[in-house]
Structures are given as structure tokens and as C-alpha cells.
N, C-alpha and C. Protein backbone atom coordinates (compact mmCIF):
# COMPACT_ATOMS: atom_id res chain seq x y z
N MET A 1 0.83 -1.15 0.00
CA MET A 1 0.00 0.00 0.00
C MET A 1 0.90 1.24 0.00
N ALA A 2 0.70 2.11 -0.94
CA ALA A 2 1.51 3.31 -1.07
C ALA A 2 0.98 4.41 -0.15
N LEU A 3 1.87 5.13 0.43
CA LEU A 3 1.51 6.24 1.31
C LEU A 3 1.37 7.48 0.45
N ARG A 4 0.24 8.14 0.54
CA ARG A 4 0.01 9.34 -0.25
C ARG A 4 0.07 10.56 0.67
N LEU A 5 0.88 11.48 0.30
CA LEU A 5 0.98 12.72 1.05
C LEU A 5 0.18 13.80 0.34
N PRO A 6 -0.49 14.67 1.08
CA PRO A 6 -1.25 15.74 0.42
C PRO A 6 -0.29 16.71 -0.24
N ILE A 7 -0.69 17.20 -1.37
CA ILE A 7 0.13 18.17 -2.10
C ILE A 7 -0.36 19.55 -1.74
N ILE A 8 0.52 20.35 -1.21
CA ILE A 8 0.19 21.71 -0.84
C ILE A 8 0.50 22.59 -2.04
N PRO A 9 -0.44 23.39 -2.44
CA PRO A 9 -0.16 24.28 -3.58
C PRO A 9 1.01 25.19 -3.27
N LEU A 10 1.71 25.59 -4.30
CA LEU A 10 2.92 26.40 -4.16
C LEU A 10 2.65 27.67 -3.36
N ALA A 11 1.55 28.33 -3.61
CA ALA A 11 1.25 29.55 -2.87
C ALA A 11 1.03 29.25 -1.39
N GLY A 12 0.39 28.13 -1.10
CA GLY A 12 0.14 27.75 0.29
C GLY A 12 1.43 27.44 1.03
N SER A 13 2.35 26.78 0.34
CA SER A 13 3.62 26.46 1.00
C SER A 13 4.42 27.71 1.28
N ALA A 14 4.31 28.73 0.44
CA ALA A 14 5.01 29.99 0.68
C ALA A 14 4.47 30.65 1.94
N LEU A 15 3.17 30.55 2.14
CA LEU A 15 2.59 31.14 3.35
C LEU A 15 3.05 30.39 4.59
N VAL A 16 3.11 29.07 4.50
CA VAL A 16 3.55 28.26 5.63
C VAL A 16 5.00 28.58 5.96
N LEU A 17 5.85 28.63 4.97
CA LEU A 17 7.27 28.92 5.21
C LEU A 17 7.49 30.35 5.64
N GLY A 18 6.60 31.24 5.24
CA GLY A 18 6.72 32.64 5.65
C GLY A 18 6.62 32.79 7.16
N GLY A 19 5.94 31.89 7.82
CA GLY A 19 5.81 31.94 9.26
C GLY A 19 7.10 31.59 9.98
N CYS A 20 8.07 31.04 9.26
CA CYS A 20 9.35 30.65 9.86
C CYS A 20 10.34 31.80 9.93
N VAL A 21 10.02 32.92 9.30
CA VAL A 21 10.93 34.05 9.26
C VAL A 21 10.85 34.78 10.60
N SER A 22 12.01 35.14 11.15
CA SER A 22 12.01 35.84 12.44
C SER A 22 11.48 37.25 12.27
N GLN A 23 10.79 37.71 13.27
CA GLN A 23 10.15 39.02 13.20
C GLN A 23 10.90 40.06 14.05
N GLY A 24 11.85 39.65 14.87
CA GLY A 24 12.54 40.59 15.75
C GLY A 24 13.91 40.94 15.22
N THR A 25 14.63 41.79 15.97
CA THR A 25 16.00 42.12 15.61
C THR A 25 16.91 41.28 16.49
N TYR A 26 17.75 40.52 15.86
CA TYR A 26 18.66 39.63 16.56
C TYR A 26 20.08 39.94 16.13
N PRO A 27 21.06 39.63 16.97
CA PRO A 27 22.44 39.91 16.59
C PRO A 27 22.86 39.06 15.40
N SER A 28 23.76 39.58 14.66
CA SER A 28 24.27 38.88 13.48
C SER A 28 25.08 37.66 13.92
N LEU A 29 25.08 36.64 13.07
CA LEU A 29 25.89 35.45 13.33
C LEU A 29 27.28 35.57 12.71
N ALA A 30 27.56 36.72 12.11
CA ALA A 30 28.88 36.96 11.52
C ALA A 30 29.92 37.03 12.64
N PRO A 31 31.19 36.69 12.33
CA PRO A 31 32.23 36.77 13.37
C PRO A 31 32.34 38.18 13.94
N ARG A 32 32.50 38.24 15.25
CA ARG A 32 32.69 39.51 15.92
C ARG A 32 34.13 39.96 15.72
N PRO A 33 34.42 41.24 15.92
CA PRO A 33 35.79 41.72 15.69
C PRO A 33 36.84 40.94 16.48
N GLY A 34 36.56 40.60 17.72
CA GLY A 34 37.52 39.84 18.53
C GLY A 34 37.75 38.44 18.00
N GLU A 35 36.74 37.87 17.38
CA GLU A 35 36.86 36.52 16.84
C GLU A 35 37.71 36.50 15.58
N ARG A 36 37.77 37.61 14.88
CA ARG A 36 38.59 37.67 13.66
C ARG A 36 40.08 37.66 13.99
N GLU A 37 40.41 38.03 15.24
CA GLU A 37 41.81 38.13 15.64
C GLU A 37 42.36 36.84 16.23
N ILE A 38 41.51 35.82 16.39
CA ILE A 38 41.95 34.56 16.98
C ILE A 38 42.81 33.81 15.95
N SER A 39 43.93 33.35 16.39
CA SER A 39 44.84 32.62 15.50
C SER A 39 44.93 31.17 15.95
N ILE A 40 44.98 30.28 15.00
CA ILE A 40 45.17 28.86 15.33
C ILE A 40 46.62 28.44 15.12
N ALA A 41 47.47 29.41 14.84
CA ALA A 41 48.89 29.13 14.66
C ALA A 41 49.54 28.84 16.00
N GLU A 42 50.69 28.17 15.95
CA GLU A 42 51.45 27.89 17.17
C GLU A 42 51.75 29.21 17.88
N PRO A 43 51.62 29.25 19.19
CA PRO A 43 51.93 30.49 19.89
C PRO A 43 53.42 30.81 19.77
N VAL A 44 53.69 32.07 19.70
CA VAL A 44 55.08 32.52 19.63
C VAL A 44 55.59 32.65 21.06
N ARG A 45 56.62 31.88 21.36
CA ARG A 45 57.18 31.93 22.70
C ARG A 45 58.35 32.90 22.70
N PRO A 46 58.37 33.80 23.65
CA PRO A 46 59.54 34.67 23.74
C PRO A 46 60.78 33.84 24.07
N SER A 47 61.87 34.24 23.52
CA SER A 47 63.12 33.53 23.78
C SER A 47 63.46 33.65 25.26
N ALA A 48 63.65 32.52 25.87
CA ALA A 48 63.93 32.52 27.31
C ALA A 48 65.43 32.35 27.53
N ASP A 49 65.97 33.23 28.36
CA ASP A 49 67.37 33.08 28.75
C ASP A 49 67.39 32.25 30.02
N VAL A 50 67.09 30.99 29.84
CA VAL A 50 67.00 30.07 30.97
C VAL A 50 68.07 29.00 30.75
N PRO A 51 68.79 28.67 31.79
CA PRO A 51 69.78 27.60 31.62
C PRO A 51 69.09 26.25 31.37
N GLY A 52 69.82 25.34 30.77
CA GLY A 52 69.29 24.01 30.54
C GLY A 52 68.94 23.32 31.85
N ASP A 53 67.94 22.47 31.78
CA ASP A 53 67.45 21.77 32.97
C ASP A 53 67.93 20.32 32.91
N ALA A 54 68.88 19.97 33.76
CA ALA A 54 69.46 18.62 33.75
C ALA A 54 68.40 17.57 34.08
N ALA A 55 67.51 17.86 35.01
CA ALA A 55 66.45 16.91 35.37
C ALA A 55 65.51 16.67 34.19
N LEU A 56 65.21 17.73 33.45
CA LEU A 56 64.36 17.59 32.27
C LEU A 56 65.05 16.71 31.22
N ARG A 57 66.32 16.95 30.99
CA ARG A 57 67.06 16.14 30.00
C ARG A 57 67.10 14.68 30.43
N GLN A 58 67.24 14.42 31.73
CA GLN A 58 67.22 13.04 32.22
C GLN A 58 65.85 12.41 32.01
N ARG A 59 64.79 13.17 32.24
CA ARG A 59 63.42 12.66 32.03
C ARG A 59 63.20 12.33 30.56
N VAL A 60 63.64 13.18 29.67
CA VAL A 60 63.50 12.93 28.23
C VAL A 60 64.30 11.68 27.85
N ALA A 61 65.50 11.55 28.37
CA ALA A 61 66.32 10.36 28.07
C ALA A 61 65.65 9.09 28.59
N ALA A 62 65.05 9.16 29.77
CA ALA A 62 64.35 7.98 30.32
C ALA A 62 63.16 7.61 29.45
N LEU A 63 62.43 8.61 28.96
CA LEU A 63 61.28 8.33 28.09
C LEU A 63 61.72 7.77 26.74
N GLN A 64 62.84 8.26 26.24
CA GLN A 64 63.39 7.70 25.00
C GLN A 64 63.82 6.25 25.21
N ALA A 65 64.40 5.95 26.37
CA ALA A 65 64.79 4.57 26.68
C ALA A 65 63.54 3.69 26.79
N GLN A 66 62.47 4.22 27.35
CA GLN A 66 61.22 3.47 27.45
C GLN A 66 60.68 3.17 26.05
N ALA A 67 60.71 4.15 25.17
CA ALA A 67 60.24 3.93 23.79
C ALA A 67 61.10 2.89 23.09
N ALA A 68 62.41 2.94 23.30
CA ALA A 68 63.32 1.96 22.70
C ALA A 68 63.04 0.57 23.24
N ALA A 69 62.74 0.47 24.53
CA ALA A 69 62.40 -0.83 25.12
C ALA A 69 61.12 -1.37 24.49
N GLY A 70 60.15 -0.50 24.24
CA GLY A 70 58.93 -0.91 23.55
C GLY A 70 59.22 -1.40 22.15
N GLN A 71 60.17 -0.75 21.48
CA GLN A 71 60.55 -1.18 20.13
C GLN A 71 61.22 -2.56 20.17
N ARG A 72 62.09 -2.77 21.15
CA ARG A 72 62.75 -4.08 21.27
C ARG A 72 61.73 -5.18 21.57
N ALA A 73 60.79 -4.90 22.46
CA ALA A 73 59.74 -5.88 22.78
C ALA A 73 58.89 -6.16 21.55
N PHE A 74 58.59 -5.13 20.79
CA PHE A 74 57.81 -5.29 19.57
C PHE A 74 58.55 -6.20 18.58
N GLU A 75 59.82 -5.91 18.38
CA GLU A 75 60.62 -6.73 17.45
C GLU A 75 60.69 -8.17 17.92
N GLY A 76 60.79 -8.38 19.24
CA GLY A 76 60.84 -9.74 19.78
C GLY A 76 59.55 -10.50 19.57
N ALA A 77 58.42 -9.82 19.60
CA ALA A 77 57.13 -10.48 19.43
C ALA A 77 56.67 -10.55 17.98
N TYR A 78 57.27 -9.73 17.13
CA TYR A 78 56.81 -9.64 15.75
C TYR A 78 56.94 -10.96 14.99
N GLY A 79 58.06 -11.64 15.14
CA GLY A 79 58.30 -12.89 14.41
C GLY A 79 57.23 -13.93 14.70
N ALA A 80 56.89 -14.10 15.97
CA ALA A 80 55.86 -15.08 16.34
C ALA A 80 54.50 -14.68 15.79
N ALA A 81 54.20 -13.38 15.83
CA ALA A 81 52.91 -12.91 15.31
C ALA A 81 52.83 -13.11 13.80
N ALA A 82 53.92 -12.80 13.09
CA ALA A 82 53.93 -12.98 11.63
C ALA A 82 53.79 -14.45 11.27
N ALA A 83 54.45 -15.32 12.01
CA ALA A 83 54.34 -16.76 11.75
C ALA A 83 52.91 -17.24 11.99
N ALA A 84 52.28 -16.78 13.05
CA ALA A 84 50.90 -17.17 13.34
C ALA A 84 49.96 -16.67 12.25
N VAL A 85 50.22 -15.47 11.75
CA VAL A 85 49.39 -14.93 10.66
C VAL A 85 49.58 -15.76 9.40
N ASN A 86 50.82 -16.17 9.13
CA ASN A 86 51.08 -17.00 7.95
C ASN A 86 50.36 -18.34 8.02
N ARG A 87 50.15 -18.85 9.21
CA ARG A 87 49.47 -20.14 9.38
C ARG A 87 47.96 -20.00 9.52
N ALA A 88 47.45 -18.78 9.59
CA ALA A 88 46.03 -18.55 9.85
C ALA A 88 45.17 -19.08 8.71
N GLY A 89 44.12 -19.73 9.11
CA GLY A 89 43.15 -20.24 8.14
C GLY A 89 42.00 -19.26 7.97
N ALA A 90 40.85 -19.81 7.69
CA ALA A 90 39.65 -19.01 7.47
C ALA A 90 39.27 -18.28 8.75
N PRO A 91 38.58 -17.13 8.61
CA PRO A 91 38.13 -16.41 9.81
C PRO A 91 37.34 -17.31 10.75
N GLU A 92 37.66 -17.14 12.03
CA GLU A 92 37.04 -17.86 13.14
C GLU A 92 37.49 -19.31 13.26
N SER A 93 38.45 -19.73 12.42
CA SER A 93 39.03 -21.06 12.59
C SER A 93 40.00 -21.01 13.77
N GLU A 94 40.43 -22.17 14.22
CA GLU A 94 41.34 -22.23 15.36
C GLU A 94 42.65 -21.49 15.06
N SER A 95 43.21 -21.68 13.87
CA SER A 95 44.47 -21.02 13.52
C SER A 95 44.29 -19.51 13.39
N TRP A 96 43.13 -19.07 12.95
CA TRP A 96 42.84 -17.64 12.84
C TRP A 96 42.77 -17.03 14.24
N ILE A 97 42.16 -17.73 15.18
CA ILE A 97 42.07 -17.25 16.56
C ILE A 97 43.46 -17.17 17.19
N VAL A 98 44.30 -18.18 16.90
CA VAL A 98 45.68 -18.16 17.41
C VAL A 98 46.42 -16.93 16.85
N ALA A 99 46.20 -16.61 15.58
CA ALA A 99 46.83 -15.44 14.97
C ALA A 99 46.32 -14.16 15.61
N GLN A 100 45.03 -14.09 15.89
CA GLN A 100 44.48 -12.90 16.56
C GLN A 100 45.10 -12.72 17.95
N GLU A 101 45.27 -13.83 18.66
CA GLU A 101 45.90 -13.75 19.99
C GLU A 101 47.34 -13.29 19.87
N ALA A 102 48.05 -13.77 18.87
CA ALA A 102 49.44 -13.34 18.66
C ALA A 102 49.50 -11.85 18.34
N LEU A 103 48.54 -11.36 17.57
CA LEU A 103 48.50 -9.93 17.28
C LEU A 103 48.21 -9.12 18.55
N SER A 104 47.37 -9.65 19.41
CA SER A 104 47.10 -8.97 20.68
C SER A 104 48.36 -8.91 21.54
N ARG A 105 49.12 -9.99 21.55
CA ARG A 105 50.38 -9.98 22.31
C ARG A 105 51.37 -8.99 21.70
N LEU A 106 51.37 -8.87 20.38
CA LEU A 106 52.24 -7.91 19.70
C LEU A 106 51.85 -6.49 20.08
N GLU A 107 50.56 -6.21 20.10
CA GLU A 107 50.08 -4.88 20.52
C GLU A 107 50.52 -4.57 21.95
N ALA A 108 50.38 -5.56 22.83
CA ALA A 108 50.76 -5.36 24.23
C ALA A 108 52.27 -5.15 24.36
N ALA A 109 53.05 -5.87 23.55
CA ALA A 109 54.51 -5.77 23.63
C ALA A 109 54.99 -4.37 23.28
N ARG A 110 54.30 -3.69 22.39
CA ARG A 110 54.73 -2.36 21.96
C ARG A 110 54.24 -1.26 22.89
N GLY A 111 53.49 -1.62 23.92
CA GLY A 111 52.83 -0.65 24.78
C GLY A 111 53.73 0.44 25.34
N ALA A 112 54.98 0.13 25.61
CA ALA A 112 55.87 1.13 26.20
C ALA A 112 56.13 2.29 25.24
N THR A 113 56.08 2.04 23.94
CA THR A 113 56.37 3.10 22.97
C THR A 113 55.29 4.17 22.96
N PRO A 114 54.00 3.81 22.77
CA PRO A 114 52.99 4.88 22.81
C PRO A 114 52.84 5.53 24.19
N GLU A 115 53.13 4.77 25.25
CA GLU A 115 53.10 5.38 26.59
C GLU A 115 54.18 6.45 26.71
N ALA A 116 55.36 6.16 26.20
CA ALA A 116 56.44 7.14 26.24
C ALA A 116 56.09 8.36 25.39
N LEU A 117 55.47 8.13 24.24
CA LEU A 117 55.07 9.24 23.38
C LEU A 117 54.05 10.14 24.09
N ALA A 118 53.08 9.53 24.75
CA ALA A 118 52.09 10.32 25.49
C ALA A 118 52.75 11.12 26.61
N ALA A 119 53.70 10.52 27.29
CA ALA A 119 54.41 11.22 28.37
C ALA A 119 55.24 12.38 27.82
N LEU A 120 55.87 12.18 26.68
CA LEU A 120 56.64 13.26 26.05
C LEU A 120 55.73 14.41 25.63
N ASP A 121 54.58 14.08 25.07
CA ASP A 121 53.61 15.12 24.70
C ASP A 121 53.17 15.91 25.93
N ARG A 122 52.87 15.21 27.02
CA ARG A 122 52.47 15.89 28.26
C ARG A 122 53.60 16.77 28.78
N LEU A 123 54.82 16.25 28.70
CA LEU A 123 55.98 17.01 29.17
C LEU A 123 56.13 18.29 28.37
N GLN A 124 55.98 18.19 27.06
CA GLN A 124 56.09 19.38 26.22
C GLN A 124 55.00 20.39 26.55
N THR A 125 53.78 19.90 26.74
CA THR A 125 52.68 20.80 27.09
C THR A 125 52.91 21.45 28.45
N ASP A 126 53.34 20.67 29.41
CA ASP A 126 53.59 21.21 30.75
C ASP A 126 54.69 22.27 30.73
N ARG A 127 55.70 22.04 29.90
CA ARG A 127 56.84 22.97 29.90
C ARG A 127 56.54 24.27 29.16
N THR A 128 55.45 24.34 28.43
CA THR A 128 55.13 25.60 27.75
C THR A 128 54.78 26.69 28.74
N ASP A 129 54.34 26.31 29.94
CA ASP A 129 53.98 27.30 30.96
C ASP A 129 55.12 27.57 31.94
N GLN A 130 56.26 26.95 31.72
CA GLN A 130 57.40 27.11 32.62
C GLN A 130 58.59 27.66 31.84
N PRO A 131 59.44 28.39 32.51
CA PRO A 131 60.65 28.84 31.82
C PRO A 131 61.47 27.62 31.39
N THR A 132 61.67 27.50 30.08
CA THR A 132 62.41 26.36 29.53
C THR A 132 63.32 26.87 28.43
N SER A 133 64.54 26.39 28.43
CA SER A 133 65.48 26.86 27.42
C SER A 133 65.08 26.35 26.04
N THR A 134 65.52 27.08 25.03
CA THR A 134 65.25 26.70 23.65
C THR A 134 65.83 25.33 23.34
N ASP A 135 67.02 25.06 23.87
CA ASP A 135 67.66 23.76 23.64
C ASP A 135 66.85 22.62 24.26
N ASP A 136 66.30 22.86 25.44
CA ASP A 136 65.49 21.83 26.08
C ASP A 136 64.21 21.57 25.30
N PHE A 137 63.59 22.63 24.78
CA PHE A 137 62.41 22.44 23.95
C PHE A 137 62.75 21.67 22.68
N ALA A 138 63.90 21.98 22.10
CA ALA A 138 64.33 21.27 20.89
C ALA A 138 64.57 19.80 21.21
N LEU A 139 65.13 19.51 22.37
CA LEU A 139 65.37 18.12 22.79
C LEU A 139 64.05 17.36 22.92
N ILE A 140 63.06 18.00 23.55
CA ILE A 140 61.75 17.36 23.68
C ILE A 140 61.14 17.12 22.30
N GLY A 141 61.21 18.12 21.44
CA GLY A 141 60.65 17.99 20.09
C GLY A 141 61.30 16.87 19.30
N ALA A 142 62.62 16.75 19.40
CA ALA A 142 63.33 15.67 18.70
C ALA A 142 62.93 14.31 19.25
N ALA A 143 62.76 14.21 20.56
CA ALA A 143 62.36 12.95 21.18
C ALA A 143 60.94 12.58 20.74
N ILE A 144 60.06 13.56 20.65
CA ILE A 144 58.70 13.30 20.18
C ILE A 144 58.73 12.82 18.74
N ALA A 145 59.52 13.47 17.90
CA ALA A 145 59.58 13.08 16.49
C ALA A 145 60.09 11.65 16.34
N GLU A 146 61.13 11.29 17.06
CA GLU A 146 61.69 9.94 16.96
C GLU A 146 60.71 8.90 17.50
N THR A 147 60.08 9.19 18.63
CA THR A 147 59.14 8.23 19.22
C THR A 147 57.90 8.09 18.35
N THR A 148 57.47 9.18 17.75
CA THR A 148 56.35 9.12 16.81
C THR A 148 56.69 8.23 15.62
N ARG A 149 57.90 8.37 15.12
CA ARG A 149 58.34 7.54 13.99
C ARG A 149 58.30 6.06 14.36
N LEU A 150 58.79 5.73 15.55
CA LEU A 150 58.76 4.33 16.01
C LEU A 150 57.33 3.82 16.13
N ALA A 151 56.47 4.60 16.78
CA ALA A 151 55.08 4.18 17.01
C ALA A 151 54.33 4.01 15.69
N GLU A 152 54.53 4.93 14.77
CA GLU A 152 53.85 4.83 13.48
C GLU A 152 54.33 3.63 12.68
N ALA A 153 55.63 3.36 12.71
CA ALA A 153 56.16 2.19 12.00
C ALA A 153 55.59 0.90 12.58
N GLN A 154 55.47 0.85 13.90
CA GLN A 154 54.86 -0.33 14.53
C GLN A 154 53.41 -0.49 14.09
N GLU A 155 52.67 0.61 14.07
CA GLU A 155 51.27 0.55 13.66
C GLU A 155 51.13 0.07 12.22
N VAL A 156 52.01 0.52 11.35
CA VAL A 156 51.96 0.10 9.94
C VAL A 156 52.20 -1.40 9.83
N ARG A 157 53.18 -1.90 10.57
CA ARG A 157 53.48 -3.34 10.50
C ARG A 157 52.34 -4.18 11.07
N ILE A 158 51.73 -3.73 12.15
CA ILE A 158 50.59 -4.45 12.73
C ILE A 158 49.41 -4.42 11.75
N ALA A 159 49.16 -3.27 11.16
CA ALA A 159 48.06 -3.16 10.20
C ALA A 159 48.27 -4.10 9.01
N GLY A 160 49.52 -4.24 8.57
CA GLY A 160 49.82 -5.17 7.48
C GLY A 160 49.48 -6.60 7.85
N LEU A 161 49.81 -7.00 9.07
CA LEU A 161 49.47 -8.35 9.53
C LEU A 161 47.95 -8.52 9.63
N ARG A 162 47.28 -7.50 10.15
CA ARG A 162 45.81 -7.57 10.28
C ARG A 162 45.14 -7.70 8.92
N ARG A 163 45.63 -6.98 7.94
CA ARG A 163 45.06 -7.07 6.59
C ARG A 163 45.20 -8.48 6.02
N ARG A 164 46.32 -9.12 6.34
CA ARG A 164 46.57 -10.46 5.78
C ARG A 164 45.59 -11.49 6.32
N ILE A 165 45.09 -11.30 7.54
CA ILE A 165 44.13 -12.28 8.07
C ILE A 165 42.71 -11.74 8.08
N GLY A 166 42.55 -10.52 7.56
CA GLY A 166 41.20 -9.97 7.48
C GLY A 166 40.62 -9.61 8.82
N GLY A 167 41.43 -9.13 9.72
CA GLY A 167 40.93 -8.79 11.06
C GLY A 167 41.17 -7.43 11.50
């Protein structure tokens, strides 16, 4: 059974829609002058004449070591995961489940790397409100870049294994 809707004549629909027009004076939705001045660019930090912070450099080094440990654990677990994926049968078969479990262990093995990256990001954010030397900021930035590279490479390799078993 087809549903029939009443057809409203064109003139009638104009009258109905005319009732939707506001009758009062309301502020414009255009950007206000202060909103035009908002920038989404990185804030410009004044150059700080602050000596290097040895404790900060040690913290960055410890986080880099944590990321490297995550990379070593990932490499150690990768071979077993790849072998399990190579042996995987049809989805939901016993060998496919074993491969999924191996991939889960691989994800867990790399955990130290993204944890270190998150800590480095927090450290960089926290230090923006504190006097920090340009060299120390550069050190944090370099550590973030290297740890990001490690984490992304791990993700690419895991995604490749997941594609091979359709999971």
C-alpha cells in the first residue's frame, strides 16, 4: 500500500514557510571583531634566557629509553605474530584465533612506545607554561619526532598483519 501525502499548492507552501521568518531584531551570526583576531597558529614563545634543565634532559632520556624498550619488545614479538598470521586459516578457525591472539600480544609488547610518546607530549605541554630553554624544547621535540616515527612504523606493521588475516 503506497503512502500518499497531500500536495500543498505552491502559494500555500510559501505562506507556511513565511511563518518561519524571524520578526525581531537579533544579533548577526557573523564573526565579531575579537573573533577575527583569533589565531590557530602555534603560539610565539619569547626567547627565554634560561639555563638548561638537567632533570628535564634526564626525564627525556628515560622516556626515549622506554620507547626503545617498547621497540625491542615489539621486534621480539613480531616474528611469532607474523608466523601465526602466515598459518592462519579461514576467519574464526582455530588457527585464525591463534593469529588474533598473537597480534594482541604484539600490541601489548609495543605498549611502552605509545606510553612514552604520550608522556613526552604531556611534558612538552607542561613545559610551555614554565621557563624552559630553547635547547630543552628542541630536545623534547626531537624525542617526540623519533618516538612518533617508532610508534607509526609499529602501527603500519601491525596493520599489514591484520590485513593479511582480514581482522
